[in-house]
Amino acid sequence: MTHYRHSVTVDIGRSVNTRMRIATTAIACVLATLAGCGTYNGSTGDPTPSETESSSAASPSPVATNAVPEAAADLVGDWEDPKEKWTVHFRDDGTYVEDYQGVKDFRVGEYSVDGDTVKLEGDDGNTDEGTVEGETLVFNLGTLERVEQ
């Protein structure tokens, strides 16, 4: 009788251990997934794009609104793709701010132009490359056209 009782106890123990491992693994997967969904907005001491943007609205743009971009300075201003609800605000200091699908200041970073390639290096670690085609900027996400001022 003792042998039978020991056997049942061991089987129940194994069953509980297996359930605990499965539950722990499932919780770890959920937590890892949720952690990947968060965004990093910089340290609390970093100014937000809206705090640094106040003086750029009063600055005159050195580029005619219909000019074809040939250098980084030629991009200064606002570009949009209404279909994708995507706007990129290029600043004269080499930085940009993206608004995307109703979210203002969705992403910030630095931009550069090399020939007909426009590179957006986001503070989030992502880099997007597009090309200058006529008076548009073509990216995988969409085609940006200069916003008339």
C-alpha atoms as a PDB file:
ATOM      1  CA  MET A   1       0.000   0.000   0.000  1.00  0.00           C
ATOM      2  CA  THR A   2       2.810   2.351   0.727  1.00  0.00           C
ATOM      3  CA  HIS A   3       4.236   1.828  -2.724  1.00  0.00           C
ATOM      4  CA  TYR A   4       0.907   2.738  -4.380  1.00  0.00           C
ATOM      5  CA  ARG A   5       0.505   5.906  -2.268  1.00  0.00           C
ATOM      6  CA  HIS A   6       4.078   7.010  -3.101  1.00  0.00           C
ATOM      7  CA  SER A   7       3.408   6.441  -6.798  1.00  0.00           C
ATOM      8  CA  VAL A   8       0.254   8.617  -6.763  1.00  0.00           C
ATOM      9  CA  THR A   9       2.083  11.397  -4.908  1.00  0.00           C
ATOM     10  CA  VAL A  10       4.922  11.378  -7.435  1.00  0.00           C
ATOM     11  CA  ASP A  11       2.476  11.494 -10.391  1.00  0.00           C
ATOM     12  CA  ILE A  12       0.560  14.409  -8.861  1.00  0.00           C
ATOM     13  CA  GLY A  13       3.840  16.214  -8.184  1.00  0.00           C
ATOM     14  CA  ARG A  14       4.962  15.755 -11.781  1.00  0.00           C
ATOM     15  CA  SER A  15       1.598  16.992 -13.032  1.00  0.00           C
ATOM     16  CA  VAL A  16       1.817  20.140 -10.892  1.00  0.00           C
ATOM     17  CA  ASN A  17       5.435  20.770 -11.937  1.00  0.00           C
ATOM     18  CA  THR A  18       4.511  20.444 -15.618  1.00  0.00           C
ATOM     19  CA  ARG A  19       1.596  22.851 -15.217  1.00  0.00           C
ATOM     20  CA  MET A  20       3.807  25.351 -13.390  1.00  0.00           C
ATOM     21  CA  ARG A  21       6.426  25.200 -16.164  1.00  0.00           C
ATOM     22  CA  ILE A  22       3.769  25.742 -18.834  1.00  0.00           C
ATOM     23  CA  ALA A  23       2.185  28.632 -16.906  1.00  0.00           C
ATOM     24  CA  THR A  24       5.584  30.243 -16.238  1.00  0.00           C
ATOM     25  CA  THR A  25       6.577  29.938 -19.904  1.00  0.00           C
ATOM     26  CA  ALA A  26       3.250  31.419 -21.050  1.00  0.00           C
ATOM     27  CA  ILE A  27       3.561  34.365 -18.662  1.00  0.00           C
ATOM     28  CA  ALA A  28       7.168  34.982 -19.774  1.00  0.00           C
ATOM     29  CA  CYS A  29       6.067  35.017 -23.425  1.00  0.00           C
ATOM     30  CA  VAL A  30       3.250  37.483 -22.711  1.00  0.00           C
ATOM     31  CA  LEU A  31       5.590  39.777 -20.761  1.00  0.00           C
ATOM     32  CA  ALA A  32       8.234  39.662 -23.502  1.00  0.00           C
ATOM     33  CA  THR A  33       5.606  40.526 -26.113  1.00  0.00           C
ATOM     34  CA  LEU A  34       4.263  43.420 -24.060  1.00  0.00           C
ATOM     35  CA  ALA A  35       7.768  44.738 -23.393  1.00  0.00           C
ATOM     36  CA  GLY A  36       8.381  44.858 -27.149  1.00  0.00           C
ATOM     37  CA  CYS A  37       5.262  47.001 -27.642  1.00  0.00           C
ATOM     38  CA  GLY A  38       6.553  49.896 -25.545  1.00  0.00           C
ATOM     39  CA  THR A  39       8.255  52.963 -26.919  1.00  0.00           C
ATOM     40  CA  TYR A  40      11.198  54.893 -25.588  1.00  0.00           C
ATOM     41  CA  ASN A  41      10.780  58.663 -25.637  1.00  0.00           C
ATOM     42  CA  GLY A  42      14.249  59.570 -24.380  1.00  0.00           C
ATOM     43  CA  SER A  43      15.286  60.500 -20.889  1.00  0.00           C
ATOM     44  CA  THR A  44      13.098  62.826 -18.892  1.00  0.00           C
ATOM     45  CA  GLY A  45      15.638  65.629 -19.347  1.00  0.00           C
ATOM     46  CA  ASP A  46      15.423  65.564 -23.161  1.00  0.00           C
ATOM     47  CA  PRO A  47      13.299  68.321 -24.673  1.00  0.00           C
ATOM     48  CA  THR A  48      10.369  67.013 -26.685  1.00  0.00           C
ATOM     49  CA  PRO A  49      10.151  67.951 -30.362  1.00  0.00           C
ATOM     50  CA  SER A  50       7.271  70.325 -29.653  1.00  0.00           C
ATOM     51  CA  GLU A  51       9.420  72.174 -27.066  1.00  0.00           C
ATOM     52  CA  THR A  52      12.238  72.714 -29.574  1.00  0.00           C
ATOM     53  CA  GLU A  53       9.977  73.530 -32.501  1.00  0.00           C
ATOM     54  CA  SER A  54       8.700  76.947 -31.405  1.00  0.00           C
ATOM     55  CA  SER A  55      11.314  78.996 -33.242  1.00  0.00           C
ATOM     56  CA  SER A  56      11.282  77.016 -36.504  1.00  0.00           C
ATOM     57  CA  ALA A  57       7.819  78.242 -37.525  1.00  0.00           C
ATOM     58  CA  ALA A  58       9.030  81.849 -37.681  1.00  0.00           C
ATOM     59  CA  SER A  59      12.166  80.996 -39.695  1.00  0.00           C
ATOM     60  CA  PRO A  60      11.846  81.674 -43.394  1.00  0.00           C
ATOM     61  CA  SER A  61      12.506  78.714 -45.644  1.00  0.00           C
ATOM     62  CA  PRO A  62      15.560  79.237 -47.867  1.00  0.00           C
ATOM     63  CA  VAL A  63      14.031  77.079 -50.611  1.00  0.00           C
ATOM     64  CA  ALA A  64      11.318  77.895 -53.090  1.00  0.00           C
ATOM     65  CA  THR A  65       8.301  75.658 -52.473  1.00  0.00           C
ATOM     66  CA  ASN A  66       8.503  74.005 -55.900  1.00  0.00           C
ATOM     67  CA  ALA A  67      12.263  73.371 -55.892  1.00  0.00           C
ATOM     68  CA  VAL A  68      13.521  69.833 -56.453  1.00  0.00           C
ATOM     69  CA  PRO A  69      15.525  68.742 -53.366  1.00  0.00           C
ATOM     70  CA  GLU A  70      19.214  68.315 -54.160  1.00  0.00           C
ATOM     71  CA  ALA A  71      20.744  68.700 -50.695  1.00  0.00           C
ATOM     72  CA  ALA A  72      19.618  68.342 -47.092  1.00  0.00           C
ATOM     73  CA  ALA A  73      18.918  72.084 -46.867  1.00  0.00           C
ATOM     74  CA  ASP A  74      16.504  71.772 -49.807  1.00  0.00           C
ATOM     75  CA  LEU A  75      14.236  69.483 -47.767  1.00  0.00           C
ATOM     76  CA  VAL A  76      13.532  72.040 -45.033  1.00  0.00           C
ATOM     77  CA  GLY A  77       9.790  72.336 -44.558  1.00  0.00           C
ATOM     78  CA  ASP A  78       6.801  70.048 -44.320  1.00  0.00           C
ATOM     79  CA  TRP A  79       6.195  67.063 -46.609  1.00  0.00           C
ATOM     80  CA  GLU A  80       3.121  64.849 -46.503  1.00  0.00           C
ATOM     81  CA  ASP A  81       1.360  61.808 -47.893  1.00  0.00           C
ATOM     82  CA  PRO A  82      -2.353  62.399 -47.167  1.00  0.00           C
ATOM     83  CA  LYS A  83      -3.286  58.844 -48.194  1.00  0.00           C
ATOM     84  CA  GLU A  84      -1.025  57.354 -45.499  1.00  0.00           C
ATOM     85  CA  LYS A  85      -1.733  60.218 -43.055  1.00  0.00           C
ATOM     86  CA  TRP A  86       2.014  60.729 -42.811  1.00  0.00           C
ATOM     87  CA  THR A  87       3.821  64.070 -42.488  1.00  0.00           C
ATOM     88  CA  VAL A  88       7.546  64.691 -42.105  1.00  0.00           C
ATOM     89  CA  HIS A  89       8.755  68.066 -40.819  1.00  0.00           C
ATOM     90  CA  PHE A  90      12.360  68.599 -41.987  1.00  0.00           C
ATOM     91  CA  ARG A  91      14.240  71.229 -39.985  1.00  0.00           C
ATOM     92  CA  ASP A  92      17.273  73.270 -41.047  1.00  0.00           C
ATOM     93  CA  ASP A  93      19.403  71.750 -38.237  1.00  0.00           C
ATOM     94  CA  GLY A  94      19.314  68.302 -39.914  1.00  0.00           C
ATOM     95  CA  THR A  95      16.572  66.864 -37.710  1.00  0.00           C
ATOM     96  CA  TYR A  96      13.061  65.768 -38.561  1.00  0.00           C
ATOM     97  CA  VAL A  97       9.788  64.971 -36.803  1.00  0.00           C
ATOM     98  CA  GLU A  98       7.211  62.561 -38.194  1.00  0.00           C
ATOM     99  CA  ASP A  99       3.472  62.705 -37.573  1.00  0.00           C
ATOM    100  CA  TYR A 100       1.772  59.419 -38.443  1.00  0.00           C
ATOM    101  CA  GLN A 101      -1.925  58.517 -38.585  1.00  0.00           C
ATOM    102  CA  GLY A 102      -2.960  61.241 -36.163  1.00  0.00           C
ATOM    103  CA  VAL A 103      -0.062  60.786 -33.726  1.00  0.00           C
ATOM    104  CA  LYS A 104       1.948  64.018 -33.497  1.00  0.00           C
ATOM    105  CA  ASP A 105       5.713  63.656 -32.943  1.00  0.00           C
ATOM    106  CA  PHE A 106       5.447  59.931 -33.735  1.00  0.00           C
ATOM    107  CA  ARG A 107       9.174  59.691 -34.434  1.00  0.00           C
ATOM    108  CA  VAL A 108      12.143  62.068 -34.364  1.00  0.00           C
ATOM    109  CA  GLY A 109      15.663  61.777 -35.681  1.00  0.00           C
ATOM    110  CA  GLU A 110      18.221  63.093 -38.138  1.00  0.00           C
ATOM    111  CA  TYR A 111      18.092  63.146 -41.917  1.00  0.00           C
ATOM    112  CA  SER A 112      20.653  63.333 -44.687  1.00  0.00           C
ATOM    113  CA  VAL A 113      20.718  63.489 -48.485  1.00  0.00           C
ATOM    114  CA  ASP A 114      23.303  61.690 -50.593  1.00  0.00           C
ATOM    115  CA  GLY A 115      22.644  62.152 -54.297  1.00  0.00           C
ATOM    116  CA  ASP A 116      19.016  61.155 -54.807  1.00  0.00           C
ATOM    117  CA  THR A 117      18.818  59.146 -51.554  1.00  0.00           C
ATOM    118  CA  VAL A 118      17.145  60.572 -48.460  1.00  0.00           C
ATOM    119  CA  LYS A 119      18.004  58.812 -45.219  1.00  0.00           C
ATOM    120  CA  LEU A 120      15.878  59.124 -42.057  1.00  0.00           C
ATOM    121  CA  GLU A 121      17.722  57.880 -38.971  1.00  0.00           C
ATOM    122  CA  GLY A 122      15.204  57.710 -36.135  1.00  0.00           C
ATOM    123  CA  ASP A 123      16.004  58.018 -32.457  1.00  0.00           C
ATOM    124  CA  ASP A 124      14.175  54.685 -32.145  1.00  0.00           C
ATOM    125  CA  GLY A 125      17.050  52.947 -33.970  1.00  0.00           C
ATOM    126  CA  ASN A 126      15.164  52.494 -37.253  1.00  0.00           C
ATOM    127  CA  THR A 127      16.492  53.886 -40.520  1.00  0.00           C
ATOM    128  CA  ASP A 128      14.369  54.516 -43.598  1.00  0.00           C
ATOM    129  CA  GLU A 129      15.756  55.320 -47.031  1.00  0.00           C
ATOM    130  CA  GLY A 130      13.837  56.956 -49.823  1.00  0.00           C
ATOM    131  CA  THR A 131      14.619  58.486 -53.182  1.00  0.00           C
ATOM    132  CA  VAL A 132      14.074  61.912 -54.662  1.00  0.00           C
ATOM    133  CA  GLU A 133      11.885  61.477 -57.736  1.00  0.00           C
ATOM    134  CA  GLY A 134      11.044  64.792 -59.346  1.00  0.00           C
ATOM    135  CA  GLU A 135       9.356  66.903 -56.694  1.00  0.00           C
ATOM    136  CA  THR A 136       8.501  63.950 -54.436  1.00  0.00           C
ATOM    137  CA  LEU A 137      10.247  61.775 -51.859  1.00  0.00           C
ATOM    138  CA  VAL A 138       9.447  58.093 -52.358  1.00  0.00           C
ATOM    139  CA  PHE A 139       9.704  55.762 -49.351  1.00  0.00           C
ATOM    140  CA  ASN A 140       8.363  52.248 -48.753  1.00  0.00           C
ATOM    141  CA  LEU A 141       5.636  53.758 -46.543  1.00  0.00           C
ATOM    142  CA  GLY A 142       4.468  56.281 -49.127  1.00  0.00           C
ATOM    143  CA  THR A 143       5.281  59.202 -51.379  1.00  0.00           C
ATOM    144  CA  LEU A 144       5.794  62.582 -49.739  1.00  0.00           C
ATOM    145  CA  GLU A 145       4.990  65.855 -51.479  1.00  0.00           C
ATOM    146  CA  ARG A 146       5.983  69.300 -50.208  1.00  0.00           C
ATOM    147  CA  VAL A 147       3.233  71.096 -48.330  1.00  0.00           C
ATOM    148  CA  GLU A 148       2.584  74.514 -49.861  1.00  0.00           C
ATOM    149  CA  GLN A 149       3.237  77.265 -47.290  1.00  0.00           C
END
